[in-house]
Amino acid sequence: MKSAKEHFSDVKFWEKVKKFGKKAGSSLIYMVLLLYFTLQKPDLPLSARATIIGALGYFILPLDLIPDLTPGVGFTDDLGAIGVALFQIAIFIDKDVKDKAKAKLRDWFGNDVDTSEIDERLD
């Protein structure tokens, strides 16, 4: 994940989410958005910031362990990297971060998206 950090930027992040969001699915995109909005917190410790940037950089990588275009399993490795990072920085995810992520998720997937399984794991 260390080399993935150099691939992270806001522009690349939003391009990837917009291009592959529907294919990746609402659960992965919700987790990605949680990381992204947590990263925006000004008081976030450097170690948490590095973890998030590494995970999001891996998500953005065009060629990773399992190419994202591989049918059925393309985002499996991304899910693993994002899930590990989410677990490591969960203490920094507050209601404001969740609300921002859910609002953006509703914009793309509609109002019927269920985030309760992920939210329960974070609480």
C-alpha atoms as a PDB file:
ATOM      1  CA  MET A   1       0.000   0.000   0.000  1.00  0.00           C
ATOM      2  CA  LYS A   2       2.994   2.254   0.497  1.00  0.00           C
ATOM      3  CA  SER A   3       3.489   2.792  -3.247  1.00  0.00           C
ATOM      4  CA  ALA A   4      -0.250   3.362  -3.665  1.00  0.00           C
ATOM      5  CA  LYS A   5       0.036   6.618  -1.697  1.00  0.00           C
ATOM      6  CA  GLU A   6       1.644   8.344  -4.660  1.00  0.00           C
ATOM      7  CA  HIS A   7      -1.458   7.630  -6.751  1.00  0.00           C
ATOM      8  CA  PHE A   8      -3.888   9.455  -4.470  1.00  0.00           C
ATOM      9  CA  SER A   9      -5.288  12.861  -5.354  1.00  0.00           C
ATOM     10  CA  ASP A  10      -8.727  14.401  -4.976  1.00  0.00           C
ATOM     11  CA  VAL A  11      -9.165  14.585  -8.747  1.00  0.00           C
ATOM     12  CA  LYS A  12      -8.176  10.937  -9.317  1.00  0.00           C
ATOM     13  CA  PHE A  13     -10.357   9.866  -6.388  1.00  0.00           C
ATOM     14  CA  TRP A  14     -13.546  11.496  -7.702  1.00  0.00           C
ATOM     15  CA  GLU A  15     -12.840  10.305 -11.262  1.00  0.00           C
ATOM     16  CA  LYS A  16     -12.535   6.694 -10.062  1.00  0.00           C
ATOM     17  CA  VAL A  17     -15.655   6.879  -7.892  1.00  0.00           C
ATOM     18  CA  LYS A  18     -17.721   8.419 -10.685  1.00  0.00           C
ATOM     19  CA  LYS A  19     -16.455   5.963 -13.293  1.00  0.00           C
ATOM     20  CA  PHE A  20     -16.689   2.745 -11.265  1.00  0.00           C
ATOM     21  CA  GLY A  21     -19.102   3.625  -8.448  1.00  0.00           C
ATOM     22  CA  LYS A  22     -22.071   1.658  -9.728  1.00  0.00           C
ATOM     23  CA  LYS A  23     -19.925  -1.340 -10.642  1.00  0.00           C
ATOM     24  CA  ALA A  24     -18.128  -1.310  -7.267  1.00  0.00           C
ATOM     25  CA  GLY A  25     -21.432  -1.183  -5.397  1.00  0.00           C
ATOM     26  CA  SER A  26     -22.863   1.001  -2.679  1.00  0.00           C
ATOM     27  CA  SER A  27     -21.157  -0.789   0.235  1.00  0.00           C
ATOM     28  CA  LEU A  28     -17.622  -0.343  -1.108  1.00  0.00           C
ATOM     29  CA  ILE A  29     -18.338   3.225  -2.174  1.00  0.00           C
ATOM     30  CA  TYR A  30     -19.770   4.030   1.274  1.00  0.00           C
ATOM     31  CA  MET A  31     -16.593   2.715   2.905  1.00  0.00           C
ATOM     32  CA  VAL A  32     -14.458   4.711   0.449  1.00  0.00           C
ATOM     33  CA  LEU A  33     -16.472   7.858   1.180  1.00  0.00           C
ATOM     34  CA  LEU A  34     -16.091   7.314   4.925  1.00  0.00           C
ATOM     35  CA  LEU A  35     -12.326   7.214   4.471  1.00  0.00           C
ATOM     36  CA  TYR A  36     -12.355  10.242   2.176  1.00  0.00           C
ATOM     37  CA  PHE A  37     -14.430  12.426   4.489  1.00  0.00           C
ATOM     38  CA  THR A  38     -12.420  11.317   7.528  1.00  0.00           C
ATOM     39  CA  LEU A  39      -9.290  12.401   5.650  1.00  0.00           C
ATOM     40  CA  GLN A  40     -10.752  15.915   5.419  1.00  0.00           C
ATOM     41  CA  LYS A  41     -10.674  16.335   9.207  1.00  0.00           C
ATOM     42  CA  PRO A  42      -7.993  18.908  10.081  1.00  0.00           C
ATOM     43  CA  ASP A  43      -7.095  17.289  13.417  1.00  0.00           C
ATOM     44  CA  LEU A  44      -6.593  13.780  12.005  1.00  0.00           C
ATOM     45  CA  PRO A  45      -3.289  12.253  13.208  1.00  0.00           C
ATOM     46  CA  LEU A  46      -0.583  11.734  10.611  1.00  0.00           C
ATOM     47  CA  SER A  47      -0.658   7.932  11.019  1.00  0.00           C
ATOM     48  CA  ALA A  48      -4.399   7.797  10.297  1.00  0.00           C
ATOM     49  CA  ARG A  49      -3.940  10.177   7.372  1.00  0.00           C
ATOM     50  CA  ALA A  50      -1.207   7.916   5.915  1.00  0.00           C
ATOM     51  CA  THR A  51      -3.407   4.820   6.327  1.00  0.00           C
ATOM     52  CA  ILE A  52      -6.303   6.464   4.508  1.00  0.00           C
ATOM     53  CA  ILE A  53      -4.155   7.866   1.700  1.00  0.00           C
ATOM     54  CA  GLY A  54      -2.566   4.451   1.180  1.00  0.00           C
ATOM     55  CA  ALA A  55      -5.937   2.693   1.004  1.00  0.00           C
ATOM     56  CA  LEU A  56      -7.511   5.300  -1.272  1.00  0.00           C
ATOM     57  CA  GLY A  57      -4.384   5.318  -3.431  1.00  0.00           C
ATOM     58  CA  TYR A  58      -4.753   1.553  -3.849  1.00  0.00           C
ATOM     59  CA  PHE A  59      -8.430   2.013  -4.735  1.00  0.00           C
ATOM     60  CA  ILE A  60      -7.432   4.532  -7.416  1.00  0.00           C
ATOM     61  CA  LEU A  61      -4.629   2.399  -8.905  1.00  0.00           C
ATOM     62  CA  PRO A  62      -5.603   1.449 -12.452  1.00  0.00           C
ATOM     63  CA  LEU A  63      -3.741  -1.864 -12.236  1.00  0.00           C
ATOM     64  CA  ASP A  64      -3.858  -3.574  -8.879  1.00  0.00           C
ATOM     65  CA  LEU A  65      -3.761  -7.166  -7.659  1.00  0.00           C
ATOM     66  CA  ILE A  66      -7.112  -8.004  -9.268  1.00  0.00           C
ATOM     67  CA  PRO A  67      -7.981  -5.620 -12.142  1.00  0.00           C
ATOM     68  CA  ASP A  68     -11.195  -3.728 -11.410  1.00  0.00           C
ATOM     69  CA  LEU A  69     -12.695  -4.739 -14.739  1.00  0.00           C
ATOM     70  CA  THR A  70     -12.537  -8.458 -13.912  1.00  0.00           C
ATOM     71  CA  PRO A  71     -16.202  -9.551 -13.771  1.00  0.00           C
ATOM     72  CA  GLY A  72     -17.452 -10.611 -10.355  1.00  0.00           C
ATOM     73  CA  VAL A  73     -14.192 -10.181  -8.430  1.00  0.00           C
ATOM     74  CA  GLY A  74     -12.620  -6.984  -9.746  1.00  0.00           C
ATOM     75  CA  PHE A  75     -13.070  -4.981  -6.554  1.00  0.00           C
ATOM     76  CA  THR A  76     -12.339  -7.787  -4.072  1.00  0.00           C
ATOM     77  CA  ASP A  77      -8.790  -6.632  -3.382  1.00  0.00           C
ATOM     78  CA  ASP A  78      -9.938  -3.012  -3.109  1.00  0.00           C
ATOM     79  CA  LEU A  79     -12.556  -4.090  -0.579  1.00  0.00           C
ATOM     80  CA  GLY A  80      -9.858  -5.776   1.503  1.00  0.00           C
ATOM     81  CA  ALA A  81      -7.558  -2.736   1.501  1.00  0.00           C
ATOM     82  CA  ILE A  82     -10.410  -0.336   2.233  1.00  0.00           C
ATOM     83  CA  GLY A  83     -11.825  -2.609   4.973  1.00  0.00           C
ATOM     84  CA  VAL A  84      -8.489  -2.885   6.779  1.00  0.00           C
ATOM     85  CA  ALA A  85      -7.960   0.877   6.638  1.00  0.00           C
ATOM     86  CA  LEU A  86     -11.516   1.524   7.824  1.00  0.00           C
ATOM     87  CA  PHE A  87     -11.002  -0.761  10.817  1.00  0.00           C
ATOM     88  CA  GLN A  88      -7.715   0.968  11.682  1.00  0.00           C
ATOM     89  CA  ILE A  89      -9.153   4.483  11.647  1.00  0.00           C
ATOM     90  CA  ALA A  90     -12.705   3.745  12.869  1.00  0.00           C
ATOM     91  CA  ILE A  91     -12.260   5.811  16.042  1.00  0.00           C
ATOM     92  CA  PHE A  92     -12.016   8.948  13.885  1.00  0.00           C
ATOM     93  CA  ILE A  93     -15.296   8.345  12.030  1.00  0.00           C
ATOM     94  CA  ASP A  94     -17.976  10.468  13.637  1.00  0.00           C
ATOM     95  CA  LYS A  95     -21.600  11.324  12.830  1.00  0.00           C
ATOM     96  CA  ASP A  96     -20.579  14.244  10.613  1.00  0.00           C
ATOM     97  CA  VAL A  97     -18.364  11.993   8.469  1.00  0.00           C
ATOM     98  CA  LYS A  98     -21.139   9.388   8.202  1.00  0.00           C
ATOM     99  CA  ASP A  99     -23.712  12.041   7.276  1.00  0.00           C
ATOM    100  CA  LYS A 100     -21.493  13.441   4.493  1.00  0.00           C
ATOM    101  CA  ALA A 101     -20.795   9.961   3.120  1.00  0.00           C
ATOM    102  CA  LYS A 102     -24.481   8.995   3.217  1.00  0.00           C
ATOM    103  CA  ALA A 103     -25.540  12.210   1.477  1.00  0.00           C
ATOM    104  CA  LYS A 104     -23.097  11.596  -1.376  1.00  0.00           C
ATOM    105  CA  LEU A 105     -24.121   7.930  -1.526  1.00  0.00           C
ATOM    106  CA  ARG A 106     -27.797   8.921  -1.861  1.00  0.00           C
ATOM    107  CA  ASP A 107     -26.876  11.247  -4.754  1.00  0.00           C
ATOM    108  CA  TRP A 108     -25.466   8.289  -6.684  1.00  0.00           C
ATOM    109  CA  PHE A 109     -27.526   5.307  -5.531  1.00  0.00           C
ATOM    110  CA  GLY A 110     -30.823   6.820  -4.370  1.00  0.00           C
ATOM    111  CA  ASN A 111     -32.542   6.850  -0.997  1.00  0.00           C
ATOM    112  CA  ASP A 112     -32.903   3.087  -0.612  1.00  0.00           C
ATOM    113  CA  VAL A 113     -29.231   2.413   0.198  1.00  0.00           C
ATOM    114  CA  ASP A 114     -28.749   0.528   3.447  1.00  0.00           C
ATOM    115  CA  THR A 115     -25.528   1.354   5.329  1.00  0.00           C
ATOM    116  CA  SER A 116     -26.566  -0.214   8.628  1.00  0.00           C
ATOM    117  CA  GLU A 117     -24.274  -3.254   8.376  1.00  0.00           C
ATOM    118  CA  ILE A 118     -21.180  -1.095   7.965  1.00  0.00           C
ATOM    119  CA  ASP A 119     -22.357   1.446  10.542  1.00  0.00           C
ATOM    120  CA  GLU A 120     -22.918  -1.303  13.126  1.00  0.00           C
ATOM    121  CA  ARG A 121     -19.385  -2.601  12.630  1.00  0.00           C
ATOM    122  CA  LEU A 122     -17.991   0.882  13.172  1.00  0.00           C
ATOM    123  CA  ASP A 123     -19.876   1.569  16.405  1.00  0.00           C
END
